[in-house]
């Protein structure tokens, strides 16, 4: 909730992409394993 108020949508996208990489990993071709 704090991030939604204090961070811009660009920051939230960057943060989310990093989270997807850290939490769910990458495929052998370096693409994010989780595909939303």
ModelCIF file with pLDDT and N, C-alpha, C, O atoms, coordinates in Angstrom:
data_MODEL
#
_entry.id   MODEL 
#
_entity.id                         1 
_entity.type                       polymer 
_entity.pdbx_number_of_molecules   1 
#
_entity_poly.entity_id                      1 
_entity_poly.type                           'polypeptide(L)' 
_entity_poly.nstd_linkage                   no 
_entity_poly.nstd_monomer                   no 
_entity_poly.pdbx_seq_one_letter_code       
;(UNK)(UNK)(UNK)(UNK)(UNK)(UNK)(UNK)(UNK)(UNK)(UNK)(UNK)(UNK)(UNK)(UNK)(UNK)(UNK)
(UNK)(UNK)(UNK)(UNK)(UNK)(UNK)(UNK)(UNK)(UNK)(UNK)(UNK)(UNK)(UNK)(UNK)(UNK)(UNK)
(UNK)(UNK)(UNK)(UNK)
;
_entity_poly.pdbx_seq_one_letter_code_can   XXXXXXXXXXXXXXXXXXXXXXXXXXXXXXXXXXXX 
_entity_poly.pdbx_strand_id                 A 
#
loop_
_entity_poly_seq.entity_id 
_entity_poly_seq.num 
_entity_poly_seq.mon_id 
_entity_poly_seq.hetero 
1 1  UNK n 
1 2  UNK n 
1 3  UNK n 
1 4  UNK n 
1 5  UNK n 
1 6  UNK n 
1 7  UNK n 
1 8  UNK n 
1 9  UNK n 
1 10 UNK n 
1 11 UNK n 
1 12 UNK n 
1 13 UNK n 
1 14 UNK n 
1 15 UNK n 
1 16 UNK n 
1 17 UNK n 
1 18 UNK n 
1 19 UNK n 
1 20 UNK n 
1 21 UNK n 
1 22 UNK n 
1 23 UNK n 
1 24 UNK n 
1 25 UNK n 
1 26 UNK n 
1 27 UNK n 
1 28 UNK n 
1 29 UNK n 
1 30 UNK n 
1 31 UNK n 
1 32 UNK n 
1 33 UNK n 
1 34 UNK n 
1 35 UNK n 
1 36 UNK n 
#
_struct_asym.id          A 
_struct_asym.entity_id   1 
#
loop_
_ma_qa_metric.id 
_ma_qa_metric.mode 
_ma_qa_metric.name 
_ma_qa_metric.software_group_id 
_ma_qa_metric.type 
1 global pLDDT . pLDDT 
2 local  pLDDT . pLDDT 
#
_ma_qa_metric_global.metric_id      1 
_ma_qa_metric_global.metric_value   90.11 
_ma_qa_metric_global.model_id       1 
_ma_qa_metric_global.ordinal_id     1 
#
loop_
_ma_qa_metric_local.label_asym_id 
_ma_qa_metric_local.label_comp_id 
_ma_qa_metric_local.label_seq_id 
_ma_qa_metric_local.metric_id 
_ma_qa_metric_local.metric_value 
_ma_qa_metric_local.model_id 
_ma_qa_metric_local.ordinal_id 
A UNK 1  2 73.00 1 1  
A UNK 2  2 74.00 1 2  
A UNK 3  2 72.00 1 3  
A UNK 4  2 67.00 1 4  
A UNK 5  2 72.00 1 5  
A UNK 6  2 80.00 1 6  
A UNK 7  2 88.00 1 7  
A UNK 8  2 92.00 1 8  
A UNK 9  2 93.00 1 9  
A UNK 10 2 95.00 1 10 
A UNK 11 2 94.00 1 11 
A UNK 12 2 93.00 1 12 
A UNK 13 2 96.00 1 13 
A UNK 14 2 96.00 1 14 
A UNK 15 2 93.00 1 15 
A UNK 16 2 94.00 1 16 
A UNK 17 2 96.00 1 17 
A UNK 18 2 96.00 1 18 
A UNK 19 2 93.00 1 19 
A UNK 20 2 95.00 1 20 
A UNK 21 2 95.00 1 21 
A UNK 22 2 94.00 1 22 
A UNK 23 2 91.00 1 23 
A UNK 24 2 92.00 1 24 
A UNK 25 2 93.00 1 25 
A UNK 26 2 94.00 1 26 
A UNK 27 2 94.00 1 27 
A UNK 28 2 94.00 1 28 
A UNK 29 2 93.00 1 29 
A UNK 30 2 94.00 1 30 
A UNK 31 2 96.00 1 31 
A UNK 32 2 96.00 1 32 
A UNK 33 2 93.00 1 33 
A UNK 34 2 91.00 1 34 
A UNK 35 2 89.00 1 35 
A UNK 36 2 93.00 1 36 
#
loop_
_atom_site.group_PDB 
_atom_site.id 
_atom_site.type_symbol 
_atom_site.label_atom_id 
_atom_site.label_alt_id 
_atom_site.label_comp_id 
_atom_site.label_asym_id 
_atom_site.label_entity_id 
_atom_site.label_seq_id 
_atom_site.pdbx_PDB_ins_code 
_atom_site.Cartn_x 
_atom_site.Cartn_y 
_atom_site.Cartn_z 
_atom_site.occupancy 
_atom_site.B_iso_or_equiv 
_atom_site.pdbx_formal_charge 
_atom_site.auth_seq_id 
_atom_site.auth_comp_id 
_atom_site.auth_asym_id 
_atom_site.auth_atom_id 
_atom_site.pdbx_PDB_model_num 
ATOM 1   N N  . UNK A 1 1  ? 0.832  -1.210  0.000   1.00 73.00 ? 1  UNK A N  1 
ATOM 2   C CA . UNK A 1 1  ? 0.000  0.000   0.000   1.00 73.00 ? 1  UNK A CA 1 
ATOM 3   C C  . UNK A 1 1  ? 0.863  1.256   0.000   1.00 73.00 ? 1  UNK A C  1 
ATOM 4   O O  . UNK A 1 1  ? 0.564  2.229   -0.691  1.00 73.00 ? 1  UNK A O  1 
ATOM 5   N N  . UNK A 1 2  ? 1.946  1.219   0.791   1.00 74.00 ? 2  UNK A N  1 
ATOM 6   C CA . UNK A 1 2  ? 2.871  2.361   0.856   1.00 74.00 ? 2  UNK A CA 1 
ATOM 7   C C  . UNK A 1 2  ? 3.533  2.584   -0.501  1.00 74.00 ? 2  UNK A C  1 
ATOM 8   O O  . UNK A 1 2  ? 3.657  3.719   -0.962  1.00 74.00 ? 2  UNK A O  1 
ATOM 9   N N  . UNK A 1 3  ? 3.960  1.479   -1.141  1.00 72.00 ? 3  UNK A N  1 
ATOM 10  C CA . UNK A 1 3  ? 4.611  1.580   -2.451  1.00 72.00 ? 3  UNK A CA 1 
ATOM 11  C C  . UNK A 1 3  ? 3.662  2.151   -3.494  1.00 72.00 ? 3  UNK A C  1 
ATOM 12  O O  . UNK A 1 3  ? 4.077  2.904   -4.375  1.00 72.00 ? 3  UNK A O  1 
ATOM 13  N N  . UNK A 1 4  ? 2.384  1.788   -3.392  1.00 67.00 ? 4  UNK A N  1 
ATOM 14  C CA . UNK A 1 4  ? 1.389  2.263   -4.352  1.00 67.00 ? 4  UNK A CA 1 
ATOM 15  C C  . UNK A 1 4  ? 1.231  3.777   -4.268  1.00 67.00 ? 4  UNK A C  1 
ATOM 16  O O  . UNK A 1 4  ? 0.957  4.437   -5.270  1.00 67.00 ? 4  UNK A O  1 
ATOM 17  N N  . UNK A 1 5  ? 1.407  4.323   -3.066  1.00 72.00 ? 5  UNK A N  1 
ATOM 18  C CA . UNK A 1 5  ? 1.255  5.764   -2.854  1.00 72.00 ? 5  UNK A CA 1 
ATOM 19  C C  . UNK A 1 5  ? 2.557  6.517   -3.138  1.00 72.00 ? 5  UNK A C  1 
ATOM 20  O O  . UNK A 1 5  ? 2.543  7.587   -3.746  1.00 72.00 ? 5  UNK A O  1 
ATOM 21  N N  . UNK A 1 6  ? 3.682  5.947   -2.692  1.00 80.00 ? 6  UNK A N  1 
ATOM 22  C CA . UNK A 1 6  ? 4.945  6.674   -2.720  1.00 80.00 ? 6  UNK A CA 1 
ATOM 23  C C  . UNK A 1 6  ? 5.748  6.476   -4.002  1.00 80.00 ? 6  UNK A C  1 
ATOM 24  O O  . UNK A 1 6  ? 6.592  7.311   -4.331  1.00 80.00 ? 6  UNK A O  1 
ATOM 25  N N  . UNK A 1 7  ? 5.502  5.386   -4.734  1.00 88.00 ? 7  UNK A N  1 
ATOM 26  C CA . UNK A 1 7  ? 6.306  5.101   -5.927  1.00 88.00 ? 7  UNK A CA 1 
ATOM 27  C C  . UNK A 1 7  ? 5.513  5.355   -7.196  1.00 88.00 ? 7  UNK A C  1 
ATOM 28  O O  . UNK A 1 7  ? 4.297  5.166   -7.233  1.00 88.00 ? 7  UNK A O  1 
ATOM 29  N N  . UNK A 1 8  ? 6.217  5.787   -8.238  1.00 92.00 ? 8  UNK A N  1 
ATOM 30  C CA . UNK A 1 8  ? 5.583  5.991   -9.533  1.00 92.00 ? 8  UNK A CA 1 
ATOM 31  C C  . UNK A 1 8  ? 5.311  4.634   -10.176 1.00 92.00 ? 8  UNK A C  1 
ATOM 32  O O  . UNK A 1 8  ? 5.851  3.616   -9.745  1.00 92.00 ? 8  UNK A O  1 
ATOM 33  N N  . UNK A 1 9  ? 4.478  4.628   -11.198 1.00 93.00 ? 9  UNK A N  1 
ATOM 34  C CA . UNK A 1 9  ? 4.158  3.377   -11.876 1.00 93.00 ? 9  UNK A CA 1 
ATOM 35  C C  . UNK A 1 9  ? 5.401  2.796   -12.562 1.00 93.00 ? 9  UNK A C  1 
ATOM 36  O O  . UNK A 1 9  ? 5.520  1.578   -12.690 1.00 93.00 ? 9  UNK A O  1 
ATOM 37  N N  . UNK A 1 10 ? 6.328  3.660   -13.003 1.00 95.00 ? 10 UNK A N  1 
ATOM 38  C CA . UNK A 1 10 ? 7.586  3.177   -13.585 1.00 95.00 ? 10 UNK A CA 1 
ATOM 39  C C  . UNK A 1 10 ? 8.411  2.439   -12.545 1.00 95.00 ? 10 UNK A C  1 
ATOM 40  O O  . UNK A 1 10 ? 8.971  1.376   -12.816 1.00 95.00 ? 10 UNK A O  1 
ATOM 41  N N  . UNK A 1 11 ? 8.480  3.014   -11.359 1.00 94.00 ? 11 UNK A N  1 
ATOM 42  C CA . UNK A 1 11 ? 9.225  2.367   -10.275 1.00 94.00 ? 11 UNK A CA 1 
ATOM 43  C C  . UNK A 1 11 ? 8.598  1.030   -9.906  1.00 94.00 ? 11 UNK A C  1 
ATOM 44  O O  . UNK A 1 11 ? 9.300  0.050   -9.657  1.00 94.00 ? 11 UNK A O  1 
ATOM 45  N N  . UNK A 1 12 ? 7.265  1.001   -9.875  1.00 93.00 ? 12 UNK A N  1 
ATOM 46  C CA . UNK A 1 12 ? 6.582  -0.245  -9.519  1.00 93.00 ? 12 UNK A CA 1 
ATOM 47  C C  . UNK A 1 12 ? 6.798  -1.318  -10.586 1.00 93.00 ? 12 UNK A C  1 
ATOM 48  O O  . UNK A 1 12 ? 6.915  -2.500  -10.259 1.00 93.00 ? 12 UNK A O  1 
ATOM 49  N N  . UNK A 1 13 ? 6.851  -0.917  -11.856 1.00 96.00 ? 13 UNK A N  1 
ATOM 50  C CA . UNK A 1 13 ? 7.110  -1.889  -12.917 1.00 96.00 ? 13 UNK A CA 1 
ATOM 51  C C  . UNK A 1 13 ? 8.531  -2.449  -12.793 1.00 96.00 ? 13 UNK A C  1 
ATOM 52  O O  . UNK A 1 13 ? 8.739  -3.658  -12.894 1.00 96.00 ? 13 UNK A O  1 
ATOM 53  N N  . UNK A 1 14 ? 9.504  -1.560  -12.575 1.00 96.00 ? 14 UNK A N  1 
ATOM 54  C CA . UNK A 1 14 ? 10.891 -2.008  -12.406 1.00 96.00 ? 14 UNK A CA 1 
ATOM 55  C C  . UNK A 1 14 ? 11.005 -2.969  -11.225 1.00 96.00 ? 14 UNK A C  1 
ATOM 56  O O  . UNK A 1 14 ? 11.656 -4.009  -11.314 1.00 96.00 ? 14 UNK A O  1 
ATOM 57  N N  . UNK A 1 15 ? 10.363 -2.603  -10.122 1.00 93.00 ? 15 UNK A N  1 
ATOM 58  C CA . UNK A 1 15 ? 10.386 -3.419  -8.912  1.00 93.00 ? 15 UNK A CA 1 
ATOM 59  C C  . UNK A 1 15 ? 9.734  -4.781  -9.156  1.00 93.00 ? 15 UNK A C  1 
ATOM 60  O O  . UNK A 1 15 ? 10.231 -5.805  -8.687  1.00 93.00 ? 15 UNK A O  1 
ATOM 61  N N  . UNK A 1 16 ? 8.627  -4.787  -9.887  1.00 94.00 ? 16 UNK A N  1 
ATOM 62  C CA . UNK A 1 16 ? 7.907  -6.032  -10.163 1.00 94.00 ? 16 UNK A CA 1 
ATOM 63  C C  . UNK A 1 16 ? 8.714  -6.952  -11.068 1.00 94.00 ? 16 UNK A C  1 
ATOM 64  O O  . UNK A 1 16 ? 8.762  -8.161  -10.839 1.00 94.00 ? 16 UNK A O  1 
ATOM 65  N N  . UNK A 1 17 ? 9.346  -6.396  -12.086 1.00 96.00 ? 17 UNK A N  1 
ATOM 66  C CA . UNK A 1 17 ? 10.172 -7.204  -12.989 1.00 96.00 ? 17 UNK A CA 1 
ATOM 67  C C  . UNK A 1 17 ? 11.332 -7.863  -12.229 1.00 96.00 ? 17 UNK A C  1 
ATOM 68  O O  . UNK A 1 17 ? 11.645 -9.033  -12.449 1.00 96.00 ? 17 UNK A O  1 
ATOM 69  N N  . UNK A 1 18 ? 11.949 -7.107  -11.348 1.00 96.00 ? 18 UNK A N  1 
ATOM 70  C CA . UNK A 1 18 ? 13.041 -7.647  -10.532 1.00 96.00 ? 18 UNK A CA 1 
ATOM 71  C C  . UNK A 1 18 ? 12.535 -8.735  -9.584  1.00 96.00 ? 18 UNK A C  1 
ATOM 72  O O  . UNK A 1 18 ? 13.211 -9.738  -9.354  1.00 96.00 ? 18 UNK A O  1 
ATOM 73  N N  . UNK A 1 19 ? 11.340 -8.522  -9.040  1.00 93.00 ? 19 UNK A N  1 
ATOM 74  C CA . UNK A 1 19 ? 10.731 -9.508  -8.138  1.00 93.00 ? 19 UNK A CA 1 
ATOM 75  C C  . UNK A 1 19 ? 10.425 -10.808 -8.882  1.00 93.00 ? 19 UNK A C  1 
ATOM 76  O O  . UNK A 1 19 ? 10.651 -11.897 -8.354  1.00 93.00 ? 19 UNK A O  1 
ATOM 77  N N  . UNK A 1 20 ? 9.913  -10.692 -10.103 1.00 95.00 ? 20 UNK A N  1 
ATOM 78  C CA . UNK A 1 20 ? 9.594  -11.881 -10.893 1.00 95.00 ? 20 UNK A CA 1 
ATOM 79  C C  . UNK A 1 20 ? 10.853 -12.682 -11.201 1.00 95.00 ? 20 UNK A C  1 
ATOM 80  O O  . UNK A 1 20 ? 10.837 -13.913 -11.196 1.00 95.00 ? 20 UNK A O  1 
ATOM 81  N N  . UNK A 1 21 ? 11.939 -11.971 -11.469 1.00 95.00 ? 21 UNK A N  1 
ATOM 82  C CA . UNK A 1 21 ? 13.205 -12.659 -11.740 1.00 95.00 ? 21 UNK A CA 1 
ATOM 83  C C  . UNK A 1 21 ? 13.739 -13.350 -10.485 1.00 95.00 ? 21 UNK A C  1 
ATOM 84  O O  . UNK A 1 21 ? 14.163 -14.505 -10.537 1.00 95.00 ? 21 UNK A O  1 
ATOM 85  N N  . UNK A 1 22 ? 13.716 -12.630 -9.351  1.00 94.00 ? 22 UNK A N  1 
ATOM 86  C CA . UNK A 1 22 ? 14.278 -13.159 -8.107  1.00 94.00 ? 22 UNK A CA 1 
ATOM 87  C C  . UNK A 1 22 ? 13.461 -14.316 -7.540  1.00 94.00 ? 22 UNK A C  1 
ATOM 88  O O  . UNK A 1 22 ? 14.020 -15.298 -7.054  1.00 94.00 ? 22 UNK A O  1 
ATOM 89  N N  . UNK A 1 23 ? 12.131 -14.196 -7.604  1.00 91.00 ? 23 UNK A N  1 
ATOM 90  C CA . UNK A 1 23 ? 11.264 -15.186 -6.976  1.00 91.00 ? 23 UNK A CA 1 
ATOM 91  C C  . UNK A 1 23 ? 10.960 -16.398 -7.857  1.00 91.00 ? 23 UNK A C  1 
ATOM 92  O O  . UNK A 1 23 ? 10.793 -17.508 -7.352  1.00 91.00 ? 23 UNK A O  1 
ATOM 93  N N  . UNK A 1 24 ? 10.889 -16.187 -9.168  1.00 92.00 ? 24 UNK A N  1 
ATOM 94  C CA . UNK A 1 24 ? 10.438 -17.265 -10.052 1.00 92.00 ? 24 UNK A CA 1 
ATOM 95  C C  . UNK A 1 24 ? 11.499 -17.717 -11.056 1.00 92.00 ? 24 UNK A C  1 
ATOM 96  O O  . UNK A 1 24 ? 11.332 -18.746 -11.711 1.00 92.00 ? 24 UNK A O  1 
ATOM 97  N N  . UNK A 1 25 ? 12.583 -16.960 -11.181 1.00 93.00 ? 25 UNK A N  1 
ATOM 98  C CA . UNK A 1 25 ? 13.702 -17.390 -12.005 1.00 93.00 ? 25 UNK A CA 1 
ATOM 99  C C  . UNK A 1 25 ? 13.546 -17.109 -13.492 1.00 93.00 ? 25 UNK A C  1 
ATOM 100 O O  . UNK A 1 25 ? 12.597 -16.464 -13.938 1.00 93.00 ? 25 UNK A O  1 
ATOM 101 N N  . UNK A 1 26 ? 14.522 -17.622 -14.244 1.00 94.00 ? 26 UNK A N  1 
ATOM 102 C CA . UNK A 1 26 ? 14.571 -17.419 -15.686 1.00 94.00 ? 26 UNK A CA 1 
ATOM 103 C C  . UNK A 1 26 ? 14.600 -18.754 -16.424 1.00 94.00 ? 26 UNK A C  1 
ATOM 104 O O  . UNK A 1 26 ? 15.002 -19.778 -15.871 1.00 94.00 ? 26 UNK A O  1 
ATOM 105 N N  . UNK A 1 27 ? 14.166 -18.724 -17.680 1.00 94.00 ? 27 UNK A N  1 
ATOM 106 C CA . UNK A 1 27 ? 14.295 -19.873 -18.572 1.00 94.00 ? 27 UNK A CA 1 
ATOM 107 C C  . UNK A 1 27 ? 15.720 -19.915 -19.120 1.00 94.00 ? 27 UNK A C  1 
ATOM 108 O O  . UNK A 1 27 ? 16.458 -18.942 -18.966 1.00 94.00 ? 27 UNK A O  1 
ATOM 109 N N  . UNK A 1 28 ? 16.128 -21.025 -19.759 1.00 94.00 ? 28 UNK A N  1 
ATOM 110 C CA . UNK A 1 28 ? 17.467 -21.105 -20.349 1.00 94.00 ? 28 UNK A CA 1 
ATOM 111 C C  . UNK A 1 28 ? 17.776 -19.987 -21.340 1.00 94.00 ? 28 UNK A C  1 
ATOM 112 O O  . UNK A 1 28 ? 18.938 -19.618 -21.516 1.00 94.00 ? 28 UNK A O  1 
ATOM 113 N N  . UNK A 1 29 ? 16.726 -19.436 -22.000 1.00 93.00 ? 29 UNK A N  1 
ATOM 114 C CA . UNK A 1 29 ? 16.943 -18.355 -22.963 1.00 93.00 ? 29 UNK A CA 1 
ATOM 115 C C  . UNK A 1 29 ? 16.939 -16.978 -22.302 1.00 93.00 ? 29 UNK A C  1 
ATOM 116 O O  . UNK A 1 29 ? 16.886 -15.958 -22.990 1.00 93.00 ? 29 UNK A O  1 
ATOM 117 N N  . UNK A 1 30 ? 16.995 -16.947 -20.964 1.00 94.00 ? 30 UNK A N  1 
ATOM 118 C CA . UNK A 1 30 ? 17.066 -15.718 -20.162 1.00 94.00 ? 30 UNK A CA 1 
ATOM 119 C C  . UNK A 1 30 ? 15.729 -14.977 -20.027 1.00 94.00 ? 30 UNK A C  1 
ATOM 120 O O  . UNK A 1 30 ? 15.675 -13.942 -19.363 1.00 94.00 ? 30 UNK A O  1 
ATOM 121 N N  . UNK A 1 31 ? 14.655 -15.479 -20.637 1.00 96.00 ? 31 UNK A N  1 
ATOM 122 C CA . UNK A 1 31 ? 13.341 -14.860 -20.456 1.00 96.00 ? 31 UNK A CA 1 
ATOM 123 C C  . UNK A 1 31 ? 12.831 -15.183 -19.060 1.00 96.00 ? 31 UNK A C  1 
ATOM 124 O O  . UNK A 1 31 ? 13.198 -16.207 -18.482 1.00 96.00 ? 31 UNK A O  1 
ATOM 125 N N  . UNK A 1 32 ? 11.989 -14.317 -18.521 1.00 96.00 ? 32 UNK A N  1 
ATOM 126 C CA . UNK A 1 32 ? 11.407 -14.568 -17.202 1.00 96.00 ? 32 UNK A CA 1 
ATOM 127 C C  . UNK A 1 32 ? 10.574 -15.842 -17.246 1.00 96.00 ? 32 UNK A C  1 
ATOM 128 O O  . UNK A 1 32 ? 9.773  -16.042 -18.159 1.00 96.00 ? 32 UNK A O  1 
ATOM 129 N N  . UNK A 1 33 ? 10.772 -16.696 -16.255 1.00 93.00 ? 33 UNK A N  1 
ATOM 130 C CA . UNK A 1 33 ? 10.084 -17.996 -16.249 1.00 93.00 ? 33 UNK A CA 1 
ATOM 131 C C  . UNK A 1 33 ? 8.578  -17.825 -16.123 1.00 93.00 ? 33 UNK A C  1 
ATOM 132 O O  . UNK A 1 33 ? 7.810  -18.526 -16.781 1.00 93.00 ? 33 UNK A O  1 
ATOM 133 N N  . UNK A 1 34 ? 8.157  -16.892 -15.276 1.00 91.00 ? 34 UNK A N  1 
ATOM 134 C CA . UNK A 1 34 ? 6.722  -16.654 -15.118 1.00 91.00 ? 34 UNK A CA 1 
ATOM 135 C C  . UNK A 1 34 ? 6.267  -15.674 -16.201 1.00 91.00 ? 34 UNK A C  1 
ATOM 136 O O  . UNK A 1 34 ? 6.832  -14.589 -16.344 1.00 91.00 ? 34 UNK A O  1 
ATOM 137 N N  . UNK A 1 35 ? 5.250  -16.062 -16.954 1.00 89.00 ? 35 UNK A N  1 
ATOM 138 C CA . UNK A 1 35 ? 4.771  -15.249 -18.061 1.00 89.00 ? 35 UNK A CA 1 
ATOM 139 C C  . UNK A 1 35 ? 3.373  -14.723 -17.750 1.00 89.00 ? 35 UNK A C  1 
ATOM 140 O O  . UNK A 1 35 ? 2.391  -15.464 -17.788 1.00 89.00 ? 35 UNK A O  1 
ATOM 141 N N  . UNK A 1 36 ? 3.305  -13.428 -17.441 1.00 93.00 ? 36 UNK A N  1 
ATOM 142 C CA . UNK A 1 36 ? 2.035  -12.779 -17.151 1.00 93.00 ? 36 UNK A CA 1 
ATOM 143 C C  . UNK A 1 36 ? 1.510  -12.105 -18.407 1.00 93.00 ? 36 UNK A C  1 
ATOM 144 O O  . UNK A 1 36 ? 0.441  -11.495 -18.379 1.00 93.00 ? 36 UNK A O  1 
#
